[in-house]
């Protein structure tokens, strides 16, 4: 993000009342959590693509369930 964009956002935030600032904080937290989950999903898909095991799925739902049911690295230890 460019410094100019950051300063524009700062100016806008300075004009908001405290209750609206809390809404902004909550929304940013929501976006960060969503981004974290998306990143984790992409990493899992990329890892699955690199593995030589193959799973045959008959639908998108089956494929998604297979991806979601794979153990995390933390679970394997």
Protein backbone atom coordinates (compact mmCIF):
# COMPACT_ATOMS: atom_id res chain seq x y z
CA UNK A 1 0.00 0.00 0.00
CA UNK A 2 1.31 3.42 -0.89
CA UNK A 3 2.03 5.96 1.87
CA UNK A 4 -0.49 8.33 0.25
CA UNK A 5 -3.26 5.70 0.53
CA UNK A 6 -2.39 5.07 4.17
CA UNK A 7 -2.53 8.76 5.01
CA UNK A 8 -5.90 9.07 3.25
CA UNK A 9 -7.25 6.19 5.31
CA UNK A 10 -5.83 7.74 8.49
CA UNK A 11 -7.60 11.00 7.70
CA UNK A 12 -10.90 9.22 7.19
CA UNK A 13 -10.51 7.21 10.39
CA UNK A 14 -9.79 10.36 12.41
CA UNK A 15 -13.22 11.69 11.41
CA UNK A 16 -15.14 8.67 12.71
CA UNK A 17 -16.70 8.44 16.17
CA UNK A 18 -15.42 5.72 18.52
CA UNK A 19 -18.33 3.32 17.91
CA UNK A 20 -17.72 3.44 14.15
CA UNK A 21 -13.99 2.88 14.72
CA UNK A 22 -14.88 -0.31 16.59
CA UNK A 23 -16.93 -1.44 13.59
CA UNK A 24 -13.92 -0.78 11.35
CA UNK A 25 -11.69 -2.79 13.72
CA UNK A 26 -14.17 -5.67 13.71
CA UNK A 27 -14.42 -5.62 9.92
CA UNK A 28 -10.64 -5.57 9.52
CA UNK A 29 -10.41 -8.50 11.93
CA UNK A 30 -12.97 -10.36 9.83
CA UNK A 31 -11.00 -9.65 6.64
CA UNK A 32 -7.74 -10.78 8.24
CA UNK A 33 -9.30 -14.03 9.44
CA UNK A 34 -10.80 -14.65 6.00
CA UNK A 35 -7.42 -14.01 4.36
CA UNK A 36 -5.72 -16.37 6.82
CA UNK A 37 -8.23 -19.13 6.04
CA UNK A 38 -7.87 -18.55 2.29
CA UNK A 39 -4.08 -18.72 2.53
CA UNK A 40 -4.27 -21.97 4.53
CA UNK A 41 -6.66 -23.44 1.96
CA UNK A 42 -4.37 -22.49 -0.95
CA UNK A 43 -1.39 -24.02 0.86
CA UNK A 44 -3.30 -27.26 1.42
CA UNK A 45 -4.36 -27.45 -2.22
CA UNK A 46 -0.82 -26.78 -3.44
CA UNK A 47 0.52 -29.44 -1.09
CA UNK A 48 -2.09 -31.92 -2.31
CA UNK A 49 -1.15 -31.17 -5.93
CA UNK A 50 2.50 -32.01 -5.20
CA UNK A 51 1.72 -35.38 -3.64
CA UNK A 52 1.76 -38.37 -5.94
CA UNK A 53 -1.23 -40.04 -4.34
CA UNK A 54 -4.39 -39.72 -6.33
CA UNK A 55 -7.96 -39.69 -5.15
CA UNK A 56 -10.82 -40.13 -7.56
CA UNK A 57 -13.78 -37.92 -6.80
CA UNK A 58 -17.11 -38.00 -8.55
CA UNK A 59 -18.12 -34.45 -7.71
CA UNK A 60 -16.78 -31.12 -6.59
CA UNK A 61 -18.32 -31.76 -3.18
CA UNK A 62 -16.35 -35.01 -2.83
CA UNK A 63 -13.16 -33.25 -3.86
CA UNK A 64 -13.72 -30.47 -1.34
CA UNK A 65 -14.48 -32.98 1.41
CA UNK A 66 -11.30 -34.90 0.59
CA UNK A 67 -9.27 -31.70 0.80
CA UNK A 68 -10.89 -30.61 4.04
CA UNK A 69 -10.46 -34.04 5.64
CA UNK A 70 -6.73 -34.27 5.01
CA UNK A 71 -4.83 -34.04 8.29
CA UNK A 72 -2.92 -30.86 9.04
CA UNK A 73 0.82 -31.07 9.55
CA UNK A 74 0.19 -30.39 13.24
CA UNK A 75 -2.16 -33.39 13.48
CA UNK A 76 0.42 -35.82 12.07
CA UNK A 77 3.00 -35.22 14.79
